[in-house]
Amino acid sequence: MATKPIYAVGLDAGSTKTRLVVSVLEEGRLRFLGAAAVASHGWSKGNIADQGEVADTILTALREAEAQAGVSVEAVVVGMGGPSMRGANGRGVLELGYVREIEQRDVNRVVDRASRVQLHEDRMLLQMFPQDFVVDEHPGHRDPRKMLASQLEINVHLLTASVVEHNSLVGAVNQAHLAVEETVFEALAACYAAVLPEERREGVAVVDIGSESTELVVYRGDAMYLASTVQVCGDHFTRDLAKGLCLSFEDAEVVKMEFGCALSESCPENVLVELPTPENRERRHAQLKFVNSILEARAEELFRFVRHELARVSMDHGLVGGVFLTGAAARLPDLCDVAERVLQCQARYGLPFGIQNWPEAMNDPEWSAAAGLAMYSAKLKAKAEQQRLTAGWLGKILR
């Protein structure tokens, strides 16, 4: 009897582009089947303004991806980001009563206590990331089971989201006839696809730069130290050009994509670029150095904000593994150089890997989050399949 294929699908519903990746899990390995990227509608300033338009966008991407993959998709792991996301450290404490061996149920109880936090009315706990266990006031333990102790603590990083925004996103996905397996922080998904576990060992940051939001995650080893959002995003670069060059937002975006880079020092003074102008006006030109100086100033501000966030967890000088840039707005040339200068660590693009037959044309930082969401879906389904098989064998033994 042939086994039913296990499809792993990731949906990155961004405010400018909606990307969907379809893959299949075969013998523990993930193989690419199809993908789609369509223009997004129904968003405003990183938040959902029209749930129906967002649902129509998702449905369009779904149909394109299904046609390319040749399969029917029923459920997805969805990425969530934007200004409503918040990260904070927390802890849980469990008194064991007397010195005894720590069991799995004790670990479950202390984790449960750490997740019980008082939140504002419009906040919900999206994800919780264990950092380390403290056994009788001795920190730094990864697995406390079978240790002798009278007290067990856990330090965690809690990621919260707006209930309204979360429900709007899930509602839009459901409206597109899809079930939501889980909602995952987009920067975490990008990290999942672009950063190897061994690269996180000495400290690494992933900066996912989108059009209307920028998200940040910081890891040291297996522990997440920070999940946060940054005030500067890709549209700020375009608006700066629009204001500085007296252009519309759309024309400024064209200039940024065709001529822009994040460093101005290497630009000759005498190089001019032709600016988009209406038919009834004379052609206008601007110095390329001036164009790039505008972009450079905004890039420096972006990474100063990132440095400020890193300083909150004392990691502003601790990124031995460097910083990875993902997201569509990360493609601005020389942005890595500005990141290295401001953050004083190695910077590189975070490209998706780990999925077989991944198209060369999609080897781009804008696809990292969608790829990571598909990989996260595969992880969930592989775990569920393992539990099903274990339960099946156990049932046969106990019959």
Protein backbone atom coordinates (compact mmCIF):
# COMPACT_ATOMS: atom_id res chain seq x y z
CA MET A 1 0.00 0.00 0.00
CA ALA A 2 1.48 3.34 -1.10
CA THR A 3 1.94 5.91 1.63
CA LYS A 4 0.26 9.28 1.28
CA PRO A 5 2.73 12.08 0.35
CA ILE A 6 3.53 14.54 3.12
CA TYR A 7 3.41 18.09 1.78
CA ALA A 8 5.11 20.92 3.66
CA VAL A 9 3.94 24.39 2.69
CA GLY A 10 5.11 27.82 3.85
CA LEU A 11 3.18 31.06 3.36
CA ASP A 12 4.93 34.42 3.69
CA ALA A 13 2.08 36.93 3.44
CA GLY A 14 3.98 40.18 3.12
CA SER A 15 2.60 43.66 2.67
CA THR A 16 4.15 44.03 -0.81
CA LYS A 17 4.57 40.43 -2.01
CA THR A 18 2.87 37.20 -0.95
CA ARG A 19 5.11 34.16 -1.39
CA LEU A 20 4.12 30.51 -1.08
CA VAL A 21 6.46 27.49 -1.23
CA VAL A 22 5.24 23.92 -1.72
CA SER A 23 7.55 21.00 -0.92
CA VAL A 24 7.25 17.29 -0.16
CA LEU A 25 8.86 15.33 2.66
CA GLU A 26 10.50 12.14 1.38
CA GLU A 27 12.54 9.83 3.64
CA GLY A 28 13.43 12.66 5.96
CA ARG A 29 14.46 15.06 3.18
CA LEU A 30 12.56 18.01 1.77
CA ARG A 31 12.12 18.39 -2.00
CA PHE A 32 10.88 21.52 -3.78
CA LEU A 33 7.71 21.17 -5.86
CA GLY A 34 6.52 24.66 -6.67
CA ALA A 35 6.23 28.29 -5.58
CA ALA A 36 4.47 31.54 -6.36
CA ALA A 37 5.02 35.23 -5.66
CA VAL A 38 2.19 37.70 -6.29
CA ALA A 39 1.63 41.36 -5.49
CA SER A 40 -0.08 41.82 -2.12
CA HIS A 41 -3.28 43.79 -1.52
CA GLY A 42 -5.17 44.73 1.61
CA TRP A 43 -2.20 45.85 3.75
CA SER A 44 -1.39 49.24 5.29
CA LYS A 45 1.78 50.06 7.26
CA GLY A 46 2.51 46.40 7.97
CA ASN A 47 -1.02 45.63 9.24
CA ILE A 48 -4.04 44.04 7.57
CA ALA A 49 -6.47 46.72 6.41
CA ASP A 50 -8.79 44.54 4.28
CA GLN A 51 -8.99 40.85 5.21
CA GLY A 52 -10.91 39.98 2.03
CA GLU A 53 -8.23 41.44 -0.26
CA VAL A 54 -5.50 39.62 1.69
CA ALA A 55 -7.47 36.36 1.28
CA ASP A 56 -7.80 36.95 -2.48
CA THR A 57 -4.05 37.53 -2.73
CA ILE A 58 -3.30 34.32 -0.84
CA LEU A 59 -5.74 32.40 -3.07
CA THR A 60 -4.03 33.74 -6.20
CA ALA A 61 -0.62 32.64 -4.90
CA LEU A 62 -2.05 29.26 -3.88
CA ARG A 63 -3.47 28.56 -7.35
CA GLU A 64 -0.20 29.48 -9.05
CA ALA A 65 1.88 27.34 -6.68
CA GLU A 66 -0.50 24.38 -6.94
CA ALA A 67 -0.40 24.57 -10.73
CA GLN A 68 3.41 24.54 -10.72
CA ALA A 69 3.66 21.77 -8.11
CA GLY A 70 0.87 19.66 -9.55
CA VAL A 71 -0.62 18.98 -6.10
CA SER A 72 -3.48 20.25 -3.97
CA VAL A 73 -2.57 22.13 -0.78
CA GLU A 74 -4.76 21.94 2.32
CA ALA A 75 -2.68 23.46 5.16
CA VAL A 76 0.20 25.91 5.57
CA VAL A 77 2.57 27.30 8.18
CA VAL A 78 2.12 31.08 8.11
CA GLY A 79 4.70 33.74 8.83
CA MET A 80 3.79 36.68 11.04
CA GLY A 81 5.68 39.91 11.57
CA GLY A 82 5.08 43.63 11.63
CA PRO A 83 5.09 46.35 14.28
CA SER A 84 2.71 44.46 16.61
CA MET A 85 5.33 41.83 17.53
CA ARG A 86 7.02 42.08 20.96
CA GLY A 87 9.74 40.01 22.63
CA ALA A 88 10.54 39.81 26.36
CA ASN A 89 12.45 37.54 28.73
CA GLY A 90 10.58 35.49 31.33
CA ARG A 91 11.15 32.70 33.82
CA GLY A 92 9.34 29.87 35.54
CA VAL A 93 10.12 28.44 39.00
CA LEU A 94 9.17 25.04 40.41
CA GLU A 95 9.78 23.99 44.00
CA LEU A 96 10.27 20.21 44.12
CA GLY A 97 9.83 20.05 47.92
CA TYR A 98 12.91 17.94 48.63
CA VAL A 99 16.05 16.82 46.83
CA ARG A 100 15.08 14.28 44.19
CA GLU A 101 15.68 13.36 40.59
CA ILE A 102 14.20 15.79 38.05
CA GLU A 103 11.69 14.06 35.77
CA GLN A 104 10.11 14.96 32.43
CA ARG A 105 6.89 15.97 34.17
CA ASP A 106 8.86 18.52 36.24
CA VAL A 107 10.29 20.01 33.05
CA ASN A 108 6.77 20.19 31.59
CA ARG A 109 5.45 21.92 34.71
CA VAL A 110 8.17 24.57 34.87
CA VAL A 111 7.77 25.30 31.15
CA ASP A 112 4.02 25.65 31.68
CA ARG A 113 4.61 28.11 34.53
CA ALA A 114 6.95 30.20 32.38
CA SER A 115 4.26 30.46 29.69
CA ARG A 116 1.65 31.74 32.16
CA VAL A 117 2.29 35.45 31.93
CA GLN A 118 -0.03 38.41 32.42
CA LEU A 119 -0.61 40.05 29.04
CA HIS A 120 -2.55 43.12 27.98
CA GLU A 121 -6.03 42.53 26.62
CA ASP A 122 -4.98 42.62 22.95
CA ARG A 123 -1.84 40.49 23.37
CA MET A 124 -1.30 36.76 22.93
CA LEU A 125 1.68 34.46 23.36
CA LEU A 126 2.81 33.47 19.87
CA GLN A 127 5.94 31.45 20.67
CA MET A 128 8.14 30.64 23.65
CA PHE A 129 11.86 29.90 23.33
CA PRO A 130 13.69 28.15 26.23
CA GLN A 131 17.12 29.61 26.96
CA ASP A 132 18.50 27.54 29.85
CA PHE A 133 17.53 25.73 33.05
CA VAL A 134 18.65 26.76 36.53
CA VAL A 135 19.09 23.79 38.88
CA ASP A 136 19.33 24.81 42.56
CA GLU A 137 20.52 28.30 41.53
CA HIS A 138 23.14 26.89 39.12
CA PRO A 139 22.34 28.23 35.61
CA GLY A 140 23.39 27.09 32.16
CA HIS A 141 21.85 23.62 31.95
CA ARG A 142 20.32 22.49 28.67
CA ASP A 143 18.70 19.26 29.92
CA PRO A 144 18.10 18.98 33.68
CA ARG A 145 16.42 15.57 33.61
CA LYS A 146 17.87 12.95 36.02
CA MET A 147 19.75 15.65 37.95
CA LEU A 148 19.21 15.85 41.73
CA ALA A 149 17.70 19.11 42.97
CA SER A 150 15.08 20.71 45.19
CA GLN A 151 14.32 23.64 42.85
CA LEU A 152 14.08 23.96 39.07
CA GLU A 153 13.89 27.20 37.08
CA ILE A 154 13.77 27.98 33.38
CA ASN A 155 14.70 31.18 31.55
CA VAL A 156 12.71 31.79 28.38
CA HIS A 157 12.19 34.40 25.69
CA LEU A 158 8.51 35.12 25.05
CA LEU A 159 7.24 36.42 21.72
CA THR A 160 3.83 38.07 21.82
CA ALA A 161 1.56 39.36 19.07
CA SER A 162 -1.60 41.39 18.68
CA VAL A 163 -4.69 39.18 18.98
CA VAL A 164 -6.51 41.29 16.36
CA GLU A 165 -3.66 41.07 13.83
CA HIS A 166 -3.16 37.34 14.45
CA ASN A 167 -6.86 36.58 14.04
CA SER A 168 -7.07 38.73 10.90
CA LEU A 169 -4.17 36.86 9.31
CA VAL A 170 -5.50 33.42 10.27
CA GLY A 171 -8.97 34.47 9.10
CA ALA A 172 -7.59 35.55 5.70
CA VAL A 173 -5.79 32.21 5.29
CA ASN A 174 -8.94 30.28 6.25
CA GLN A 175 -10.94 32.44 3.83
CA ALA A 176 -8.54 31.24 1.12
CA HIS A 177 -9.64 27.65 1.96
CA LEU A 178 -6.46 26.76 3.84
CA ALA A 179 -5.92 25.47 7.36
CA VAL A 180 -3.21 27.06 9.50
CA GLU A 181 -0.82 24.53 11.06
CA GLU A 182 1.04 27.17 13.04
CA THR A 183 1.97 30.85 12.96
CA VAL A 184 5.71 31.55 13.15
CA PHE A 185 7.72 34.76 13.53
CA GLU A 186 9.05 35.58 10.05
CA ALA A 187 12.62 36.40 11.16
CA LEU A 188 12.74 33.06 12.98
CA ALA A 189 11.65 31.29 9.78
CA ALA A 190 14.33 33.13 7.79
CA CYS A 191 16.92 32.07 10.37
CA TYR A 192 15.66 28.48 10.14
CA ALA A 193 16.30 28.46 6.38
CA ALA A 194 19.50 30.49 6.13
CA VAL A 195 21.61 29.77 9.23
CA LEU A 196 23.19 26.46 10.20
CA PRO A 197 22.99 25.38 13.87
CA GLU A 198 26.79 25.45 14.16
CA GLU A 199 26.83 29.05 12.88
CA ARG A 200 24.61 30.10 15.81
CA ARG A 201 27.06 28.73 18.39
CA GLU A 202 29.06 31.92 18.95
CA GLY A 203 26.22 34.39 18.48
CA VAL A 204 24.38 35.37 15.32
CA ALA A 205 21.65 37.82 14.31
CA VAL A 206 19.18 37.67 11.42
CA VAL A 207 17.73 40.95 10.19
CA ASP A 208 14.71 40.35 7.94
CA ILE A 209 14.12 43.61 6.06
CA GLY A 210 10.71 43.84 4.43
CA SER A 211 8.94 46.67 2.68
CA GLU A 212 6.88 47.80 5.69
CA SER A 213 8.51 46.01 8.63
CA THR A 214 11.91 44.78 9.78
CA GLU A 215 12.25 41.89 12.22
CA LEU A 216 15.28 40.75 14.19
CA VAL A 217 16.24 37.54 15.98
CA VAL A 218 19.43 36.92 17.94
CA TYR A 219 20.78 33.47 18.82
CA ARG A 220 23.69 32.17 20.83
CA GLY A 221 23.92 28.41 20.49
CA ASP A 222 20.45 26.90 20.82
CA ALA A 223 19.13 29.80 22.90
CA MET A 224 17.23 32.73 21.43
CA TYR A 225 18.28 35.91 23.20
CA LEU A 226 16.07 38.38 21.38
CA ALA A 227 13.09 38.60 19.03
CA SER A 228 12.26 42.16 18.10
CA THR A 229 11.14 44.63 15.45
CA VAL A 230 13.07 47.63 14.11
CA GLN A 231 11.51 50.95 13.13
CA VAL A 232 13.24 51.30 9.74
CA CYS A 233 12.09 49.21 6.75
CA GLY A 234 12.50 49.10 2.98
CA ASP A 235 9.86 51.71 2.20
CA HIS A 236 11.77 54.29 4.27
CA PHE A 237 14.60 54.14 1.70
CA THR A 238 12.15 54.78 -1.13
CA ARG A 239 10.37 57.62 0.68
CA ASP A 240 13.71 59.32 1.36
CA LEU A 241 14.52 59.23 -2.36
CA ALA A 242 11.04 60.46 -3.25
CA LYS A 243 11.45 63.45 -0.95
CA GLY A 244 15.07 64.19 -1.83
CA LEU A 245 14.58 63.93 -5.60
CA CYS A 246 10.99 65.29 -5.80
CA LEU A 247 9.60 62.07 -7.25
CA SER A 248 6.54 59.95 -6.75
CA PHE A 249 6.93 56.87 -4.55
CA GLU A 250 6.70 54.58 -7.58
CA ASP A 251 9.35 56.52 -9.54
CA ALA A 252 11.63 56.64 -6.49
CA GLU A 253 11.34 52.84 -6.22
CA VAL A 254 12.47 52.55 -9.86
CA VAL A 255 15.49 54.78 -9.20
CA LYS A 256 16.38 52.76 -6.09
CA MET A 257 16.19 49.45 -7.92
CA GLU A 258 18.08 50.60 -11.03
CA PHE A 259 20.78 52.85 -9.63
CA GLY A 260 20.78 52.66 -5.83
CA CYS A 261 23.38 51.27 -3.46
CA ALA A 262 24.03 51.79 0.24
CA LEU A 263 27.52 53.32 -0.15
CA SER A 264 28.26 56.69 -1.74
CA GLU A 265 32.00 57.06 -1.12
CA SER A 266 33.01 55.14 -4.25
CA CYS A 267 30.64 57.04 -6.57
CA PRO A 268 32.33 59.57 -8.92
CA GLU A 269 31.12 63.15 -8.60
CA ASN A 270 30.43 63.54 -12.34
CA VAL A 271 28.11 60.54 -12.86
CA LEU A 272 24.48 61.52 -13.44
CA VAL A 273 21.33 59.39 -13.56
CA GLU A 274 18.21 60.30 -15.50
CA LEU A 275 15.16 60.64 -13.30
CA PRO A 276 11.67 59.54 -14.39
CA THR A 277 9.71 62.62 -15.53
CA PRO A 278 6.22 63.22 -16.93
CA GLU A 279 5.91 63.55 -20.73
CA ASN A 280 5.17 67.28 -20.59
CA ARG A 281 8.30 68.15 -18.60
CA GLU A 282 11.98 68.41 -19.46
CA ARG A 283 14.28 65.57 -18.48
CA ARG A 284 15.89 65.85 -15.07
CA HIS A 285 19.12 64.36 -13.78
CA ALA A 286 20.66 63.82 -10.36
CA GLN A 287 24.16 62.98 -9.18
CA LEU A 288 24.51 59.26 -8.50
CA LYS A 289 26.57 60.14 -5.44
CA PHE A 290 23.69 62.22 -4.07
CA VAL A 291 21.20 59.39 -4.70
CA ASN A 292 23.37 56.89 -2.85
CA SER A 293 24.18 59.29 0.00
CA ILE A 294 20.43 59.41 0.75
CA LEU A 295 20.26 55.60 0.84
CA GLU A 296 23.47 55.36 2.89
CA ALA A 297 22.11 57.67 5.59
CA ARG A 298 18.98 55.56 5.98
CA ALA A 299 21.01 52.30 5.98
CA GLU A 300 23.19 53.62 8.79
CA GLU A 301 20.08 54.54 10.79
CA LEU A 302 18.66 51.04 10.25
CA PHE A 303 21.71 49.34 11.68
CA ARG A 304 22.02 51.83 14.53
CA PHE A 305 18.54 50.70 15.57
CA VAL A 306 19.69 47.08 15.26
CA ARG A 307 22.74 47.84 17.41
CA HIS A 308 20.50 49.43 20.04
CA GLU A 309 18.37 46.26 20.14
CA LEU A 310 21.48 44.10 20.44
CA ALA A 311 22.70 46.21 23.37
CA ARG A 312 19.48 45.38 25.26
CA VAL A 313 20.72 41.78 25.59
CA SER A 314 24.45 42.64 25.76
CA MET A 315 25.06 41.21 22.29
CA ASP A 316 26.19 44.43 20.56
CA HIS A 317 29.77 43.10 20.66
CA GLY A 318 28.91 39.39 20.85
CA LEU A 319 27.99 38.45 17.28
CA VAL A 320 31.02 36.29 16.50
CA GLY A 321 28.91 34.42 13.94
CA GLY A 322 27.94 37.72 12.31
CA VAL A 323 24.68 39.10 10.97
CA PHE A 324 22.57 37.65 8.15
CA LEU A 325 20.41 39.96 6.02
CA THR A 326 17.18 38.53 4.58
CA GLY A 327 14.04 39.97 3.03
CA ALA A 328 13.38 41.72 -0.28
CA ALA A 329 14.79 45.07 0.89
CA ALA A 330 18.09 43.40 1.85
CA ARG A 331 19.00 43.19 -1.85
CA LEU A 332 20.14 46.82 -1.90
CA PRO A 333 23.78 46.65 -3.06
CA ASP A 334 26.49 47.27 -0.44
CA LEU A 335 24.03 46.98 2.45
CA CYS A 336 26.27 44.31 4.00
CA ASP A 337 29.17 46.77 4.02
CA VAL A 338 27.14 49.32 5.98
CA ALA A 339 26.03 46.59 8.40
CA GLU A 340 29.66 45.58 9.02
CA ARG A 341 30.69 49.18 9.58
CA VAL A 342 27.94 49.96 12.08
CA LEU A 343 27.67 46.60 13.87
CA GLN A 344 31.41 45.81 13.71
CA CYS A 345 30.92 42.18 12.75
CA GLN A 346 30.78 40.07 9.61
CA ALA A 347 27.63 40.57 7.50
CA ARG A 348 26.28 38.45 4.65
CA TYR A 349 23.06 37.64 2.84
CA GLY A 350 20.92 34.89 4.33
CA LEU A 351 20.07 32.60 1.40
CA PRO A 352 17.71 29.63 1.71
CA PHE A 353 19.23 26.16 1.65
CA GLY A 354 18.28 22.65 2.77
CA ILE A 355 15.51 22.02 0.21
CA GLN A 356 16.35 19.72 -2.71
CA ASN A 357 15.79 21.03 -6.26
CA TRP A 358 15.55 24.60 -5.00
CA PRO A 359 15.50 26.79 -8.17
CA GLU A 360 18.58 28.88 -8.83
CA ALA A 361 16.35 31.85 -9.68
CA MET A 362 14.94 31.73 -6.13
CA ASN A 363 18.37 31.69 -4.46
CA ASP A 364 17.60 35.11 -3.06
CA PRO A 365 17.19 36.58 0.47
CA GLU A 366 13.58 37.52 -0.31
CA TRP A 367 12.68 33.79 -0.34
CA SER A 368 14.36 32.86 2.95
CA ALA A 369 11.29 33.35 5.16
CA ALA A 370 8.97 31.37 2.86
CA ALA A 371 11.52 28.55 2.60
CA GLY A 372 11.97 28.51 6.37
CA LEU A 373 8.20 28.31 6.88
CA ALA A 374 8.03 25.27 4.57
CA MET A 375 10.91 23.68 6.49
CA TYR A 376 9.11 24.40 9.77
CA SER A 377 6.00 22.73 8.36
CA ALA A 378 8.09 19.68 7.45
CA LYS A 379 9.50 19.55 10.99
CA LEU A 380 5.99 19.61 12.49
CA LYS A 381 4.70 16.91 10.16
CA ALA A 382 7.75 14.69 10.61
CA LYS A 383 7.28 14.87 14.38
CA ALA A 384 3.56 14.09 14.06
CA GLU A 385 4.32 11.14 11.77
CA GLN A 386 6.91 9.80 14.21
CA GLN A 387 4.39 10.01 17.06
CA ARG A 388 1.79 8.25 14.92
CA LEU A 389 4.17 5.41 14.07
CA THR A 390 5.31 5.08 17.69
CA ALA A 391 1.73 5.00 18.90
CA GLY A 392 0.95 2.42 16.23
CA TRP A 393 3.77 0.08 17.24
CA LEU A 394 2.96 0.55 20.92
CA GLY A 395 -0.66 -0.31 20.20
CA LYS A 396 0.40 -3.52 18.48
CA ILE A 397 2.61 -4.52 21.39
CA LEU A 398 -0.06 -3.85 24.02
CA ARG A 399 -2.89 -5.60 22.16
